[in-house]
Amino acid sequence: MKWNVIRGNWKQFRGHVREQWGKVTDDQLDIIAGKRETLSGKIQQTYGMTIEEADERVHAFAERYKGHRPANPV
């Protein structure tokens, strides 16, 4: 999935992020605001992994929702 779809529909995708990474707080989700690099950084910090591993997991997350169409596309 193109990341701009996730960013543009962040309010809908943040629930999916919480399902995937339950330790990420609502405040962190507000800061992330759909920015891929920021999401990777927060996952790295929260889960104590390398940035490369966090990037891989964020990429896999986006691929998982490749066919997902938001209810109200922007």
PDB file of N, CA and C in Angstrom:
ATOM      1  N   MET A   1       0.836  -1.164   0.000  1.00  0.00           N
ATOM      2  CA  MET A   1       0.000   0.000   0.000  1.00  0.00           C
ATOM      3  C   MET A   1       0.883   1.229   0.000  1.00  0.00           C
ATOM      4  N   LYS A   2       0.460   2.200  -0.730  1.00  0.00           N
ATOM      5  CA  LYS A   2       1.200   3.448  -0.709  1.00  0.00           C
ATOM      6  C   LYS A   2       0.963   4.126   0.630  1.00  0.00           C
ATOM      7  N   TRP A   3       2.038   4.571   1.227  1.00  0.00           N
ATOM      8  CA  TRP A   3       1.959   5.121   2.566  1.00  0.00           C
ATOM      9  C   TRP A   3       1.082   6.367   2.622  1.00  0.00           C
ATOM     10  N   ASN A   4       0.973   7.103   1.525  1.00  0.00           N
ATOM     11  CA  ASN A   4       0.146   8.305   1.557  1.00  0.00           C
ATOM     12  C   ASN A   4      -1.321   7.980   1.820  1.00  0.00           C
ATOM     13  N   VAL A   5      -1.780   6.774   1.486  1.00  0.00           N
ATOM     14  CA  VAL A   5      -3.150   6.353   1.797  1.00  0.00           C
ATOM     15  C   VAL A   5      -3.288   6.177   3.311  1.00  0.00           C
ATOM     16  N   ILE A   6      -2.294   5.575   3.932  1.00  0.00           N
ATOM     17  CA  ILE A   6      -2.321   5.411   5.390  1.00  0.00           C
ATOM     18  C   ILE A   6      -2.269   6.776   6.055  1.00  0.00           C
ATOM     19  N   ARG A   7      -1.368   7.621   5.619  1.00  0.00           N
ATOM     20  CA  ARG A   7      -1.232   8.950   6.209  1.00  0.00           C
ATOM     21  C   ARG A   7      -2.523   9.750   6.056  1.00  0.00           C
ATOM     22  N   GLY A   8      -3.115   9.686   4.883  1.00  0.00           N
ATOM     23  CA  GLY A   8      -4.333  10.438   4.625  1.00  0.00           C
ATOM     24  C   GLY A   8      -5.542   9.927   5.375  1.00  0.00           C
ATOM     25  N   ASN A   9      -5.484   8.695   5.836  1.00  0.00           N
ATOM     26  CA  ASN A   9      -6.596   8.072   6.563  1.00  0.00           C
ATOM     27  C   ASN A   9      -6.138   7.600   7.938  1.00  0.00           C
ATOM     28  N   TRP A  10      -5.282   8.385   8.548  1.00  0.00           N
ATOM     29  CA  TRP A  10      -4.628   7.982   9.784  1.00  0.00           C
ATOM     30  C   TRP A  10      -5.620   7.625  10.886  1.00  0.00           C
ATOM     31  N   LYS A  11      -6.709   8.361  11.004  1.00  0.00           N
ATOM     32  CA  LYS A  11      -7.667   8.065  12.076  1.00  0.00           C
ATOM     33  C   LYS A  11      -8.214   6.652  11.953  1.00  0.00           C
ATOM     34  N   GLN A  12      -8.374   6.172  10.749  1.00  0.00           N
ATOM     35  CA  GLN A  12      -8.845   4.806  10.550  1.00  0.00           C
ATOM     36  C   GLN A  12      -7.732   3.791  10.771  1.00  0.00           C
ATOM     37  N   PHE A  13      -6.521   4.118  10.348  1.00  0.00           N
ATOM     38  CA  PHE A  13      -5.421   3.155  10.448  1.00  0.00           C
ATOM     39  C   PHE A  13      -4.811   3.080  11.839  1.00  0.00           C
ATOM     40  N   ARG A  14      -4.993   4.109  12.650  1.00  0.00           N
ATOM     41  CA  ARG A  14      -4.368   4.070  13.971  1.00  0.00           C
ATOM     42  C   ARG A  14      -4.897   2.905  14.807  1.00  0.00           C
ATOM     43  N   GLY A  15      -6.125   2.486  14.593  1.00  0.00           N
ATOM     44  CA  GLY A  15      -6.646   1.304  15.281  1.00  0.00           C
ATOM     45  C   GLY A  15      -5.899   0.054  14.876  1.00  0.00           C
ATOM     46  N   HIS A  16      -5.565  -0.046  13.598  1.00  0.00           N
ATOM     47  CA  HIS A  16      -4.780  -1.190  13.124  1.00  0.00           C
ATOM     48  C   HIS A  16      -3.370  -1.161  13.723  1.00  0.00           C
ATOM     49  N   VAL A  17      -2.820   0.033  13.868  1.00  0.00           N
ATOM     50  CA  VAL A  17      -1.499   0.170  14.485  1.00  0.00           C
ATOM     51  C   VAL A  17      -1.565  -0.299  15.935  1.00  0.00           C
ATOM     52  N   ARG A  18      -2.625   0.075  16.662  1.00  0.00           N
ATOM     53  CA  ARG A  18      -2.775  -0.352  18.054  1.00  0.00           C
ATOM     54  C   ARG A  18      -2.916  -1.861  18.164  1.00  0.00           C
ATOM     55  N   GLU A  19      -3.606  -2.479  17.195  1.00  0.00           N
ATOM     56  CA  GLU A  19      -3.722  -3.936  17.192  1.00  0.00           C
ATOM     57  C   GLU A  19      -2.360  -4.583  17.005  1.00  0.00           C
ATOM     58  N   GLN A  20      -1.555  -4.027  16.118  1.00  0.00           N
ATOM     59  CA  GLN A  20      -0.235  -4.579  15.801  1.00  0.00           C
ATOM     60  C   GLN A  20       0.777  -4.311  16.911  1.00  0.00           C
ATOM     61  N   TRP A  21       0.791  -3.079  17.410  1.00  0.00           N
ATOM     62  CA  TRP A  21       1.772  -2.655  18.405  1.00  0.00           C
ATOM     63  C   TRP A  21       1.042  -2.054  19.599  1.00  0.00           C
ATOM     64  N   GLY A  22       0.564  -2.913  20.488  1.00  0.00           N
ATOM     65  CA  GLY A  22      -0.265  -2.497  21.609  1.00  0.00           C
ATOM     66  C   GLY A  22       0.407  -1.598  22.623  1.00  0.00           C
ATOM     67  N   LYS A  23       1.734  -1.571  22.641  1.00  0.00           N
ATOM     68  CA  LYS A  23       2.440  -0.720  23.598  1.00  0.00           C
ATOM     69  C   LYS A  23       2.504   0.737  23.143  1.00  0.00           C
ATOM     70  N   VAL A  24       2.184   1.004  21.901  1.00  0.00           N
ATOM     71  CA  VAL A  24       2.213   2.373  21.393  1.00  0.00           C
ATOM     72  C   VAL A  24       1.007   3.108  21.990  1.00  0.00           C
ATOM     73  N   THR A  25       1.275   4.247  22.620  1.00  0.00           N
ATOM     74  CA  THR A  25       0.222   4.976  23.329  1.00  0.00           C
ATOM     75  C   THR A  25      -0.573   5.883  22.384  1.00  0.00           C
ATOM     76  N   ASP A  26      -1.720   6.341  22.871  1.00  0.00           N
ATOM     77  CA  ASP A  26      -2.519   7.292  22.101  1.00  0.00           C
ATOM     78  C   ASP A  26      -1.744   8.578  21.850  1.00  0.00           C
ATOM     79  N   ASP A  27      -0.989   9.028  22.850  1.00  0.00           N
ATOM     80  CA  ASP A  27      -0.175  10.233  22.660  1.00  0.00           C
ATOM     81  C   ASP A  27       0.860  10.030  21.558  1.00  0.00           C
ATOM     82  N   GLN A  28       1.482   8.855  21.532  1.00  0.00           N
ATOM     83  CA  GLN A  28       2.450   8.563  20.474  1.00  0.00           C
ATOM     84  C   GLN A  28       1.763   8.512  19.118  1.00  0.00           C
ATOM     85  N   LEU A  29       0.561   7.940  19.069  1.00  0.00           N
ATOM     86  CA  LEU A  29      -0.178   7.882  17.804  1.00  0.00           C
ATOM     87  C   LEU A  29      -0.514   9.276  17.309  1.00  0.00           C
ATOM     88  N   ASP A  30      -0.816  10.185  18.233  1.00  0.00           N
ATOM     89  CA  ASP A  30      -1.061  11.576  17.845  1.00  0.00           C
ATOM     90  C   ASP A  30       0.190  12.206  17.252  1.00  0.00           C
ATOM     91  N   ILE A  31       1.330  11.921  17.844  1.00  0.00           N
ATOM     92  CA  ILE A  31       2.603  12.462  17.346  1.00  0.00           C
ATOM     93  C   ILE A  31       2.951  11.850  15.995  1.00  0.00           C
ATOM     94  N   ILE A  32       2.729  10.558  15.850  1.00  0.00           N
ATOM     95  CA  ILE A  32       3.041   9.852  14.595  1.00  0.00           C
ATOM     96  C   ILE A  32       2.240  10.450  13.449  1.00  0.00           C
ATOM     97  N   ALA A  33       0.959  10.661  13.656  1.00  0.00           N
ATOM     98  CA  ALA A  33       0.073  11.329  12.692  1.00  0.00           C
ATOM     99  C   ALA A  33       0.239  10.810  11.261  1.00  0.00           C
ATOM    100  N   GLY A  34       0.476   9.505  11.125  1.00  0.00           N
ATOM    101  CA  GLY A  34       0.566   8.911   9.798  1.00  0.00           C
ATOM    102  C   GLY A  34       1.926   9.001   9.133  1.00  0.00           C
ATOM    103  N   LYS A  35       2.927   9.530   9.824  1.00  0.00           N
ATOM    104  CA  LYS A  35       4.272   9.645   9.250  1.00  0.00           C
ATOM    105  C   LYS A  35       5.033   8.334   9.454  1.00  0.00           C
ATOM    106  N   ARG A  36       5.406   7.722   8.364  1.00  0.00           N
ATOM    107  CA  ARG A  36       6.046   6.399   8.401  1.00  0.00           C
ATOM    108  C   ARG A  36       7.334   6.395   9.225  1.00  0.00           C
ATOM    109  N   GLU A  37       8.196   7.368   9.008  1.00  0.00           N
ATOM    110  CA  GLU A  37       9.472   7.410   9.718  1.00  0.00           C
ATOM    111  C   GLU A  37       9.261   7.572  11.215  1.00  0.00           C
ATOM    112  N   THR A  38       8.270   8.375  11.579  1.00  0.00           N
ATOM    113  CA  THR A  38       7.978   8.583  12.993  1.00  0.00           C
ATOM    114  C   THR A  38       7.428   7.304  13.613  1.00  0.00           C
ATOM    115  N   LEU A  39       6.584   6.594  12.891  1.00  0.00           N
ATOM    116  CA  LEU A  39       6.071   5.313  13.376  1.00  0.00           C
ATOM    117  C   LEU A  39       7.219   4.338  13.599  1.00  0.00           C
ATOM    118  N   SER A  40       8.125   4.238  12.648  1.00  0.00           N
ATOM    119  CA  SER A  40       9.281   3.338  12.806  1.00  0.00           C
ATOM    120  C   SER A  40      10.092   3.710  14.039  1.00  0.00           C
ATOM    121  N   GLY A  41      10.319   4.991  14.232  1.00  0.00           N
ATOM    122  CA  GLY A  41      11.095   5.445  15.388  1.00  0.00           C
ATOM    123  C   GLY A  41      10.419   5.124  16.707  1.00  0.00           C
ATOM    124  N   LYS A  42       9.107   5.328  16.774  1.00  0.00           N
ATOM    125  CA  LYS A  42       8.377   5.028  18.013  1.00  0.00           C
ATOM    126  C   LYS A  42       8.369   3.527  18.292  1.00  0.00           C
ATOM    127  N   ILE A  43       8.245   2.732  17.262  1.00  0.00           N
ATOM    128  CA  ILE A  43       8.287   1.273  17.444  1.00  0.00           C
ATOM    129  C   ILE A  43       9.673   0.853  17.910  1.00  0.00           C
ATOM    130  N   GLN A  44      10.698   1.440  17.313  1.00  0.00           N
ATOM    131  CA  GLN A  44      12.064   1.141  17.728  1.00  0.00           C
ATOM    132  C   GLN A  44      12.255   1.451  19.208  1.00  0.00           C
ATOM    133  N   GLN A  45      11.846   2.633  19.628  1.00  0.00           N
ATOM    134  CA  GLN A  45      12.004   3.040  21.024  1.00  0.00           C
ATOM    135  C   GLN A  45      11.176   2.159  21.962  1.00  0.00           C
ATOM    136  N   THR A  46       9.919   1.947  21.610  1.00  0.00           N
ATOM    137  CA  THR A  46       8.995   1.249  22.493  1.00  0.00           C
ATOM    138  C   THR A  46       9.341  -0.220  22.651  1.00  0.00           C
ATOM    139  N   TYR A  47       9.797  -0.846  21.569  1.00  0.00           N
ATOM    140  CA  TYR A  47      10.052  -2.287  21.598  1.00  0.00           C
ATOM    141  C   TYR A  47      11.538  -2.639  21.660  1.00  0.00           C
ATOM    142  N   GLY A  48      12.413  -1.632  21.678  1.00  0.00           N
ATOM    143  CA  GLY A  48      13.843  -1.889  21.838  1.00  0.00           C
ATOM    144  C   GLY A  48      14.450  -2.686  20.705  1.00  0.00           C
ATOM    145  N   MET A  49      14.112  -2.332  19.475  1.00  0.00           N
ATOM    146  CA  MET A  49      14.669  -3.024  18.314  1.00  0.00           C
ATOM    147  C   MET A  49      15.483  -2.048  17.481  1.00  0.00           C
ATOM    148  N   THR A  50      16.176  -2.569  16.500  1.00  0.00           N
ATOM    149  CA  THR A  50      16.935  -1.694  15.617  1.00  0.00           C
ATOM    150  C   THR A  50      15.976  -0.949  14.687  1.00  0.00           C
ATOM    151  N   ILE A  51      16.438   0.159  14.149  1.00  0.00           N
ATOM    152  CA  ILE A  51      15.605   0.917  13.226  1.00  0.00           C
ATOM    153  C   ILE A  51      15.334   0.105  11.966  1.00  0.00           C
ATOM    154  N   GLU A  52      16.282  -0.733  11.571  1.00  0.00           N
ATOM    155  CA  GLU A  52      16.082  -1.575  10.394  1.00  0.00           C
ATOM    156  C   GLU A  52      14.953  -2.570  10.625  1.00  0.00           C
ATOM    157  N   GLU A  53      14.942  -3.177  11.808  1.00  0.00           N
ATOM    158  CA  GLU A  53      13.882  -4.127  12.128  1.00  0.00           C
ATOM    159  C   GLU A  53      12.528  -3.417  12.216  1.00  0.00           C
ATOM    160  N   ALA A  54      12.510  -2.248  12.829  1.00  0.00           N
ATOM    161  CA  ALA A  54      11.265  -1.479  12.920  1.00  0.00           C
ATOM    162  C   ALA A  54      10.775  -1.101  11.519  1.00  0.00           C
ATOM    163  N   ASP A  55      11.681  -0.671  10.652  1.00  0.00           N
ATOM    164  CA  ASP A  55      11.310  -0.331   9.273  1.00  0.00           C
ATOM    165  C   ASP A  55      10.716  -1.534   8.547  1.00  0.00           C
ATOM    166  N   GLU A  56      11.325  -2.703   8.740  1.00  0.00           N
ATOM    167  CA  GLU A  56      10.814  -3.923   8.106  1.00  0.00           C
ATOM    168  C   GLU A  56       9.400  -4.242   8.586  1.00  0.00           C
ATOM    169  N   ARG A  57       9.172  -4.080   9.871  1.00  0.00           N
ATOM    170  CA  ARG A  57       7.840  -4.374  10.419  1.00  0.00           C
ATOM    171  C   ARG A  57       6.794  -3.370   9.939  1.00  0.00           C
ATOM    172  N   VAL A  58       7.187  -2.114   9.811  1.00  0.00           N
ATOM    173  CA  VAL A  58       6.258  -1.102   9.300  1.00  0.00           C
ATOM    174  C   VAL A  58       5.953  -1.383   7.832  1.00  0.00           C
ATOM    175  N   HIS A  59       6.964  -1.797   7.085  1.00  0.00           N
ATOM    176  CA  HIS A  59       6.748  -2.161   5.680  1.00  0.00           C
ATOM    177  C   HIS A  59       5.778  -3.343   5.582  1.00  0.00           C
ATOM    178  N   ALA A  60       5.973  -4.355   6.423  1.00  0.00           N
ATOM    179  CA  ALA A  60       5.084  -5.521   6.423  1.00  0.00           C
ATOM    180  C   ALA A  60       3.663  -5.110   6.812  1.00  0.00           C
ATOM    181  N   PHE A  61       3.539  -4.181   7.736  1.00  0.00           N
ATOM    182  CA  PHE A  61       2.228  -3.659   8.131  1.00  0.00           C
ATOM    183  C   PHE A  61       1.529  -3.027   6.931  1.00  0.00           C
ATOM    184  N   ALA A  62       2.234  -2.184   6.207  1.00  0.00           N
ATOM    185  CA  ALA A  62       1.648  -1.518   5.035  1.00  0.00           C
ATOM    186  C   ALA A  62       1.263  -2.541   3.972  1.00  0.00           C
ATOM    187  N   GLU A  63       2.082  -3.560   3.777  1.00  0.00           N
ATOM    188  CA  GLU A  63       1.779  -4.597   2.791  1.00  0.00           C
ATOM    189  C   GLU A  63       0.539  -5.399   3.188  1.00  0.00           C
ATOM    190  N   ARG A  64       0.356  -5.614   4.476  1.00  0.00           N
ATOM    191  CA  ARG A  64      -0.794  -6.366   4.964  1.00  0.00           C
ATOM    192  C   ARG A  64      -2.101  -5.669   4.592  1.00  0.00           C
ATOM    193  N   TYR A  65      -2.075  -4.356   4.549  1.00  0.00           N
ATOM    194  CA  TYR A  65      -3.284  -3.589   4.237  1.00  0.00           C
ATOM    195  C   TYR A  65      -3.306  -3.105   2.793  1.00  0.00           C
ATOM    196  N   LYS A  66      -2.559  -3.765   1.948  1.00  0.00           N
ATOM    197  CA  LYS A  66      -2.434  -3.372   0.542  1.00  0.00           C
ATOM    198  C   LYS A  66      -3.788  -3.267  -0.146  1.00  0.00           C
ATOM    199  N   GLY A  67      -4.689  -4.197   0.077  1.00  0.00           N
ATOM    200  CA  GLY A  67      -5.983  -4.181  -0.555  1.00  0.00           C
ATOM    201  C   GLY A  67      -7.063  -3.454   0.222  1.00  0.00           C
ATOM    202  N   HIS A  68      -6.696  -2.938   1.390  1.00  0.00           N
ATOM    203  CA  HIS A  68      -7.664  -2.258   2.253  1.00  0.00           C
ATOM    204  C   HIS A  68      -8.060  -0.906   1.656  1.00  0.00           C
ATOM    205  N   ARG A  69      -9.321  -0.662   1.632  1.00  0.00           N
ATOM    206  CA  ARG A  69      -9.837   0.622   1.157  1.00  0.00           C
ATOM    207  C   ARG A  69     -10.570   1.283   2.304  1.00  0.00           C
ATOM    208  N   PRO A  70     -10.122   2.460   2.727  1.00  0.00           N
ATOM    209  CA  PRO A  70     -10.790   3.159   3.816  1.00  0.00           C
ATOM    210  C   PRO A  70     -12.237   3.450   3.482  1.00  0.00           C
ATOM    211  N   ALA A  71     -13.062   3.542   4.503  1.00  0.00           N
ATOM    212  CA  ALA A  71     -14.487   3.796   4.305  1.00  0.00           C
ATOM    213  C   ALA A  71     -14.727   5.146   3.638  1.00  0.00           C
ATOM    214  N   ASN A  72     -13.949   6.136   4.009  1.00  0.00           N
ATOM    215  CA  ASN A  72     -14.089   7.481   3.424  1.00  0.00           C
ATOM    216  C   ASN A  72     -12.738   7.935   2.894  1.00  0.00           C
ATOM    217  N   PRO A  73     -12.357   7.514   1.698  1.00  0.00           N
ATOM    218  CA  PRO A  73     -11.039   7.893   1.179  1.00  0.00           C
ATOM    219  C   PRO A  73     -10.904   9.397   1.050  1.00  0.00           C
ATOM    220  N   VAL A  74      -9.694   9.843   1.282  1.00  0.00           N
ATOM    221  CA  VAL A  74      -9.394  11.273   1.178  1.00  0.00           C
ATOM    222  C   VAL A  74      -9.032  11.620  -0.236  1.00  0.00           C
TER     223      VAL A  74
END
